[in-house]
Amino acid sequence: MLGPSGCGKTSTLRMIAGFEEPTSGQVLLDGVDVSAIPAHQRPVNTVFQNYALFPFMSVSENVAFGLKYEKVSKQEMSRRVGQALELVRMGEYGKRKPSQLSGGQQQRVALARALVLGPQVLLLDEPLGALDAKLRKTLQVELKALQQSVGITFVYVTHDQEEALTMSDRIAVMAHGLVEQIGTPAQVYEQPDTAYVADFLGSANIIDVTCLGPSASGGSTFKLGDVVLDAGGAPHAAGSAKLVVRPERLTLEPAAATQPPRSVRGTVERVVYLGGNSDIAVSLPGGAEIVVNRPSEVARVFGAGDAVDVIAEPDALRLLPPGALALSNSTDDATD
């Protein structure tokens, strides 16, 4: 579940866990409504952002804590604790206290404590939020591998777009308590249903244009400045629209004597070096600005003031309703 602060991600997670009671609707786990079942009786477990480990207990005691209420034998408890710690690669740290562990190690212990109870669903509320960027990337891959290993559903709350794309099989993009779109990472990124989704998930150029109506190819024809172009996706009715195009789907060439097809002429405003790639901001006729992302060795031939042609294939362009950005432009002081 991906979205900004206040959109309802954590509230939804708490309803699944049983910490909040929904005012309407159902919470279905394997087709069974668990809305009336107390939190401690639901087949789910939660990993919180702050890990909530007991500082006076050892790692093994922390992991075994929930098993004490299942009345398992000492031998069975020891076996399951050892198995859970090995699963998260913390088997040799069983006797240490949480204060003797790094942030990443504490996160693994919190995962083991949740997994040792064998939940049907594991709920994770921004569990990597307190870690540094490099460790976050490492643990994102580890968490994905762990989910595939144990074979249960992970419901993961985050506001980090890269994290959602890296880890998910399905993403639900949320805004103001509503799901704007749900789908695979590729579907949500490449085929956003609304300009809000396009704007929130990754970088996107979103430009006001005039749609001229459906095109012969099945998409739409629109006017950008003095140029008429075709856009892919679903046909759009004539009138105002939002053009959405990802920066990496555009190419750039020095302005030629004859303007290439499917292109708009503009002027380079600035080039921003990002390492392997660079963002090239281009001013278009009518005052709009569009960003083109190209490899830095390609981008270095362009400089501020250069006349260029921005080229885009129809399947890289998508028209969306003009009101779709309303949510991303509004504010909400509610908490998750």
Protein backbone atom coordinates (compact mmCIF):
# COMPACT_ATOMS: atom_id res chain seq x y z
CA MET A 1 0.00 0.00 0.00
CA LEU A 2 1.62 3.18 -1.25
CA GLY A 3 0.64 6.76 -0.58
CA PRO A 4 1.50 10.01 1.22
CA SER A 5 1.05 10.63 4.94
CA GLY A 6 -2.60 10.85 5.90
CA CYS A 7 -3.95 8.77 3.01
CA GLY A 8 -5.12 5.87 5.21
CA LYS A 9 -2.38 3.25 4.73
CA THR A 10 -1.75 2.55 8.41
CA SER A 11 -5.45 2.80 9.27
CA THR A 12 -6.13 0.07 6.71
CA LEU A 13 -3.31 -2.04 8.13
CA ARG A 14 -4.69 -1.61 11.65
CA MET A 15 -8.13 -2.77 10.49
CA ILE A 16 -6.60 -5.92 9.01
CA ALA A 17 -4.72 -6.51 12.28
CA GLY A 18 -7.83 -5.91 14.40
CA PHE A 19 -6.57 -2.78 16.17
CA GLU A 20 -9.24 -0.65 14.48
CA GLU A 21 -12.87 -1.57 13.78
CA PRO A 22 -14.17 -0.71 10.29
CA THR A 23 -17.33 1.41 10.25
CA SER A 24 -18.58 -0.53 7.22
CA GLY A 25 -17.51 -3.31 4.89
CA GLN A 26 -15.63 -6.50 5.68
CA VAL A 27 -12.09 -7.69 6.32
CA LEU A 28 -11.73 -10.98 4.46
CA LEU A 29 -8.86 -13.40 5.01
CA ASP A 30 -9.07 -16.40 2.68
CA GLY A 31 -12.72 -15.50 2.11
CA VAL A 32 -13.60 -15.43 5.81
CA ASP A 33 -14.80 -12.18 7.41
CA VAL A 34 -12.62 -11.57 10.48
CA SER A 35 -14.04 -8.12 11.32
CA ALA A 36 -15.59 -9.36 14.58
CA ILE A 37 -12.58 -11.48 15.63
CA PRO A 38 -10.29 -9.90 18.29
CA ALA A 39 -6.77 -8.96 17.21
CA HIS A 40 -5.07 -11.68 19.27
CA GLN A 41 -7.18 -14.39 17.61
CA ARG A 42 -6.54 -13.35 13.99
CA PRO A 43 -4.01 -15.34 11.92
CA VAL A 44 -1.94 -12.20 11.27
CA ASN A 45 1.11 -10.60 12.82
CA THR A 46 2.57 -7.11 12.57
CA VAL A 47 6.09 -5.71 12.24
CA PHE A 48 6.22 -2.05 13.29
CA GLN A 49 8.61 0.69 12.23
CA ASN A 50 10.22 0.90 15.68
CA TYR A 51 10.49 -2.93 16.00
CA ALA A 52 9.19 -2.82 19.65
CA LEU A 53 11.74 -5.34 20.95
CA PHE A 54 11.95 -5.91 24.70
CA PRO A 55 15.33 -4.43 25.75
CA PHE A 56 15.68 -6.62 28.85
CA MET A 57 15.23 -9.87 26.88
CA SER A 58 17.73 -11.66 24.68
CA VAL A 59 17.13 -12.07 20.97
CA SER A 60 15.91 -15.64 21.48
CA GLU A 61 13.59 -14.59 24.31
CA ASN A 62 12.13 -11.82 22.15
CA VAL A 63 11.40 -14.25 19.34
CA ALA A 64 9.95 -16.84 21.76
CA PHE A 65 7.67 -14.35 23.53
CA GLY A 66 4.53 -15.08 21.52
CA LEU A 67 5.03 -18.85 21.72
CA LYS A 68 4.63 -18.75 25.51
CA TYR A 69 0.93 -18.16 24.99
CA GLU A 70 0.57 -21.12 22.63
CA LYS A 71 1.59 -23.62 25.32
CA VAL A 72 4.21 -25.37 23.21
CA SER A 73 6.89 -27.55 24.81
CA LYS A 74 10.35 -26.18 25.54
CA GLN A 75 11.84 -28.41 22.85
CA GLU A 76 9.31 -27.25 20.26
CA MET A 77 9.81 -23.62 21.30
CA SER A 78 13.58 -23.92 20.96
CA ARG A 79 13.23 -25.56 17.54
CA ARG A 80 10.85 -22.92 16.18
CA VAL A 81 12.89 -20.03 17.56
CA GLY A 82 16.08 -21.44 16.03
CA GLN A 83 14.30 -21.99 12.72
CA ALA A 84 12.94 -18.43 12.67
CA LEU A 85 16.33 -16.91 13.49
CA GLU A 86 18.05 -18.95 10.81
CA LEU A 87 15.41 -17.81 8.32
CA VAL A 88 16.43 -14.18 8.90
CA ARG A 89 20.15 -15.04 9.20
CA MET A 90 20.36 -14.21 12.92
CA GLY A 91 20.99 -17.71 14.29
CA GLU A 92 24.31 -16.81 15.97
CA TYR A 93 22.89 -13.76 17.78
CA GLY A 94 20.35 -15.53 20.00
CA LYS A 95 22.00 -14.61 23.30
CA ARG A 96 22.53 -10.92 22.55
CA LYS A 97 20.33 -8.08 23.77
CA PRO A 98 18.68 -5.70 21.28
CA SER A 99 21.01 -2.88 22.35
CA GLN A 100 23.95 -4.96 21.05
CA LEU A 101 22.47 -5.13 17.55
CA SER A 102 22.47 -2.75 14.59
CA GLY A 103 19.24 -1.32 13.21
CA GLY A 104 19.17 -3.87 10.39
CA GLN A 105 19.73 -6.74 12.83
CA GLN A 106 16.94 -5.51 15.10
CA GLN A 107 14.64 -5.42 12.09
CA ARG A 108 15.47 -9.05 11.34
CA VAL A 109 14.70 -10.03 14.94
CA ALA A 110 11.33 -8.28 14.74
CA LEU A 111 10.61 -10.26 11.57
CA ALA A 112 11.59 -13.53 13.21
CA ARG A 113 9.34 -12.77 16.21
CA ALA A 114 6.41 -12.24 13.84
CA LEU A 115 7.14 -15.25 11.61
CA VAL A 116 7.69 -17.75 14.43
CA LEU A 117 3.94 -17.80 15.09
CA GLY A 118 3.19 -18.95 11.53
CA PRO A 119 0.77 -16.17 10.50
CA GLN A 120 -1.29 -16.42 7.31
CA VAL A 121 -0.59 -12.74 6.65
CA LEU A 122 2.34 -10.60 7.79
CA LEU A 123 1.65 -6.87 8.13
CA LEU A 124 4.60 -4.50 7.82
CA ASP A 125 4.19 -0.82 8.71
CA GLU A 126 7.15 1.00 7.10
CA PRO A 127 9.61 -1.41 8.78
CA LEU A 128 12.64 0.05 6.97
CA GLY A 129 11.80 3.70 7.65
CA ALA A 130 14.41 4.15 10.40
CA LEU A 131 17.32 2.71 8.40
CA ASP A 132 19.86 4.48 6.20
CA ALA A 133 19.39 4.44 2.43
CA LYS A 134 22.01 1.80 1.61
CA LEU A 135 20.78 -0.63 4.26
CA ARG A 136 17.18 -0.07 3.14
CA LYS A 137 18.06 -1.20 -0.39
CA THR A 138 19.78 -4.32 0.90
CA LEU A 139 16.89 -5.28 3.17
CA GLN A 140 14.30 -4.60 0.47
CA VAL A 141 15.82 -7.42 -1.57
CA GLU A 142 16.12 -9.64 1.51
CA LEU A 143 12.48 -9.08 2.49
CA LYS A 144 11.28 -9.96 -0.99
CA ALA A 145 13.35 -13.15 -0.95
CA LEU A 146 12.05 -13.97 2.53
CA GLN A 147 8.44 -13.55 1.42
CA GLN A 148 9.00 -15.94 -1.48
CA SER A 149 10.69 -18.39 0.88
CA VAL A 150 7.95 -18.55 3.52
CA GLY A 151 5.16 -18.32 0.93
CA ILE A 152 2.72 -16.14 2.85
CA THR A 153 1.19 -12.78 1.98
CA PHE A 154 3.03 -9.66 3.11
CA VAL A 155 0.95 -6.47 3.30
CA TYR A 156 3.53 -3.70 3.25
CA VAL A 157 2.84 -0.03 3.97
CA THR A 158 5.23 2.57 2.57
CA HIS A 159 5.40 6.08 1.15
CA ASP A 160 8.62 5.22 -0.69
CA GLN A 161 7.89 4.75 -4.41
CA GLU A 162 11.12 2.89 -5.19
CA GLU A 163 10.48 0.54 -2.28
CA ALA A 164 7.01 -0.26 -3.60
CA LEU A 165 8.28 -0.93 -7.12
CA THR A 166 11.18 -3.07 -5.87
CA MET A 167 9.26 -5.31 -3.50
CA SER A 168 5.67 -5.65 -4.65
CA ASP A 169 3.74 -8.15 -6.69
CA ARG A 170 0.79 -5.74 -6.51
CA ILE A 171 0.63 -2.07 -5.54
CA ALA A 172 -2.41 -0.20 -4.22
CA VAL A 173 -1.87 3.56 -4.60
CA MET A 174 -3.97 5.37 -1.98
CA ALA A 175 -5.23 8.92 -1.55
CA HIS A 176 -7.57 10.28 1.13
CA GLY A 177 -8.74 6.84 2.24
CA LEU A 178 -9.42 5.63 -1.29
CA VAL A 179 -7.53 3.29 -3.59
CA GLU A 180 -6.73 5.27 -6.73
CA GLN A 181 -5.37 2.23 -8.59
CA ILE A 182 -4.29 -1.32 -7.90
CA GLY A 183 -2.14 -3.47 -10.16
CA THR A 184 1.31 -4.88 -10.79
CA PRO A 185 4.22 -2.44 -10.47
CA ALA A 186 4.53 -2.33 -14.27
CA GLN A 187 0.81 -1.67 -14.76
CA VAL A 188 0.65 1.11 -12.20
CA TYR A 189 3.84 2.76 -13.41
CA GLU A 190 3.34 2.43 -17.16
CA GLN A 191 -0.46 2.68 -17.34
CA PRO A 192 -1.62 5.04 -14.55
CA ASP A 193 -5.39 5.45 -14.30
CA THR A 194 -5.18 9.01 -12.99
CA ALA A 195 -2.72 11.88 -13.09
CA TYR A 196 -2.48 11.55 -9.30
CA VAL A 197 -1.05 8.03 -9.66
CA ALA A 198 1.32 9.13 -12.43
CA ASP A 199 2.51 12.09 -10.37
CA PHE A 200 3.00 10.11 -7.15
CA LEU A 201 4.66 6.98 -8.54
CA GLY A 202 7.99 7.96 -10.07
CA SER A 203 8.80 11.01 -12.17
CA ALA A 204 6.25 12.14 -14.74
CA ASN A 205 5.70 15.09 -17.02
CA ILE A 206 2.09 16.24 -16.63
CA ILE A 207 1.07 18.95 -19.08
CA ASP A 208 -2.23 20.62 -19.88
CA VAL A 209 -3.20 19.93 -23.49
CA THR A 210 -6.24 20.08 -25.77
CA CYS A 211 -7.56 16.72 -26.93
CA LEU A 212 -8.99 16.71 -30.45
CA GLY A 213 -10.76 13.37 -29.97
CA PRO A 214 -10.09 9.67 -30.70
CA SER A 215 -7.43 8.85 -33.27
CA ALA A 216 -7.60 6.37 -36.15
CA SER A 217 -5.14 4.10 -34.32
CA GLY A 218 -7.44 3.69 -31.31
CA GLY A 219 -5.82 6.25 -29.00
CA SER A 220 -6.32 10.02 -29.02
CA THR A 221 -5.13 13.01 -31.01
CA PHE A 222 -4.09 16.11 -29.07
CA LYS A 223 -2.55 19.50 -29.63
CA LEU A 224 0.59 20.61 -27.80
CA GLY A 225 1.43 24.16 -28.76
CA ASP A 226 1.16 24.25 -32.54
CA VAL A 227 1.90 20.53 -32.97
CA VAL A 228 -0.70 17.74 -33.29
CA LEU A 229 0.38 14.37 -31.85
CA ASP A 230 -1.13 10.93 -31.20
CA ALA A 231 -1.32 9.36 -27.75
CA GLY A 232 -1.79 5.69 -26.93
CA GLY A 233 -4.04 4.23 -24.24
CA ALA A 234 -7.80 4.53 -24.08
CA PRO A 235 -9.49 7.06 -26.40
CA HIS A 236 -10.16 10.43 -24.80
CA ALA A 237 -13.06 12.76 -25.57
CA ALA A 238 -12.35 16.13 -27.17
CA GLY A 239 -11.61 18.89 -24.69
CA SER A 240 -9.13 19.68 -21.93
CA ALA A 241 -6.85 16.85 -20.83
CA LYS A 242 -3.66 16.08 -18.95
CA LEU A 243 -0.78 14.67 -20.97
CA VAL A 244 1.31 12.20 -18.94
CA VAL A 245 4.70 11.00 -20.19
CA ARG A 246 7.63 9.50 -18.29
CA PRO A 247 10.98 11.34 -18.78
CA GLU A 248 12.79 8.14 -19.76
CA ARG A 249 10.30 7.47 -22.59
CA LEU A 250 11.37 10.62 -24.43
CA THR A 251 14.35 11.13 -26.73
CA LEU A 252 16.12 14.34 -27.64
CA GLU A 253 17.92 15.51 -30.77
CA PRO A 254 19.49 18.82 -31.79
CA ALA A 255 16.98 20.84 -33.80
CA ALA A 256 17.12 19.81 -37.47
CA ALA A 257 16.23 21.81 -40.56
CA THR A 258 13.26 19.48 -41.00
CA GLN A 259 11.45 18.69 -37.76
CA PRO A 260 11.16 14.92 -37.20
CA PRO A 261 7.70 13.31 -37.01
CA ARG A 262 6.15 12.82 -33.52
CA SER A 263 8.27 15.66 -32.12
CA VAL A 264 7.93 19.06 -30.48
CA ARG A 265 10.58 21.77 -30.83
CA GLY A 266 11.81 23.48 -27.69
CA THR A 267 14.75 25.11 -25.92
CA VAL A 268 16.97 23.53 -23.27
CA GLU A 269 16.56 25.36 -19.95
CA ARG A 270 18.99 23.32 -17.83
CA VAL A 271 20.74 19.97 -17.55
CA VAL A 272 20.82 18.26 -14.14
CA TYR A 273 23.54 15.62 -13.70
CA LEU A 274 22.29 12.55 -11.74
CA GLY A 275 25.22 10.20 -12.20
CA GLY A 276 24.56 7.59 -14.87
CA ASN A 277 21.63 9.63 -16.21
CA SER A 278 20.81 13.32 -16.50
CA ASP A 279 17.54 15.26 -16.55
CA ILE A 280 17.24 17.77 -19.39
CA ALA A 281 14.52 20.39 -18.86
CA VAL A 282 13.11 21.73 -22.14
CA SER A 283 10.86 24.76 -22.53
CA LEU A 284 8.08 24.12 -25.08
CA PRO A 285 5.93 26.56 -27.08
CA GLY A 286 3.16 27.95 -24.93
CA GLY A 287 5.28 28.01 -21.76
CA ALA A 288 5.10 24.33 -20.74
CA GLU A 289 8.26 22.59 -19.55
CA ILE A 290 9.08 18.94 -20.15
CA VAL A 291 11.89 16.85 -18.62
CA VAL A 292 13.79 14.30 -20.68
CA ASN A 293 15.92 11.69 -18.89
CA ARG A 294 18.87 10.44 -20.92
CA PRO A 295 22.22 8.72 -20.23
CA SER A 296 24.72 11.32 -19.10
CA GLU A 297 27.09 10.63 -21.99
CA VAL A 298 24.23 11.55 -24.34
CA ALA A 299 23.01 14.48 -22.26
CA ARG A 300 26.38 16.21 -22.08
CA VAL A 301 26.11 17.36 -25.70
CA PHE A 302 23.17 19.59 -24.74
CA GLY A 303 23.42 22.91 -22.93
CA ALA A 304 21.13 25.73 -21.83
CA GLY A 305 19.78 27.68 -24.78
CA ASP A 306 20.13 24.87 -27.33
CA ALA A 307 17.23 24.36 -29.76
CA VAL A 308 16.13 20.72 -29.63
CA ASP A 309 13.44 18.35 -30.87
CA VAL A 310 11.69 16.27 -28.18
CA ILE A 311 10.53 12.99 -29.72
CA ALA A 312 7.94 10.58 -28.27
CA GLU A 313 6.24 7.49 -29.63
CA PRO A 314 2.43 7.39 -29.19
CA ASP A 315 2.60 4.49 -26.71
CA ALA A 316 4.73 6.66 -24.40
CA LEU A 317 2.01 9.33 -24.26
CA ARG A 318 -1.15 9.01 -22.21
CA LEU A 319 -4.10 11.40 -21.87
CA LEU A 320 -5.99 11.56 -18.58
CA PRO A 321 -8.97 13.63 -17.36
CA PRO A 322 -8.17 17.20 -16.27
CA GLY A 323 -9.54 16.69 -12.74
CA ALA A 324 -7.29 13.75 -11.95
CA LEU A 325 -4.63 15.88 -10.25
CA ALA A 326 -7.04 17.38 -7.71
CA LEU A 327 -6.00 15.01 -4.94
CA SER A 328 -2.27 15.58 -5.29
CA ASN A 329 -2.76 19.35 -5.15
CA SER A 330 -4.87 19.28 -1.99
CA THR A 331 -3.69 19.01 1.60
CA ASP A 332 -4.89 16.86 4.44
CA ASP A 333 -3.84 17.13 8.05
CA ALA A 334 -5.19 13.69 8.92
CA THR A 335 -2.74 11.07 10.08
CA ASP A 336 -2.22 7.59 8.73
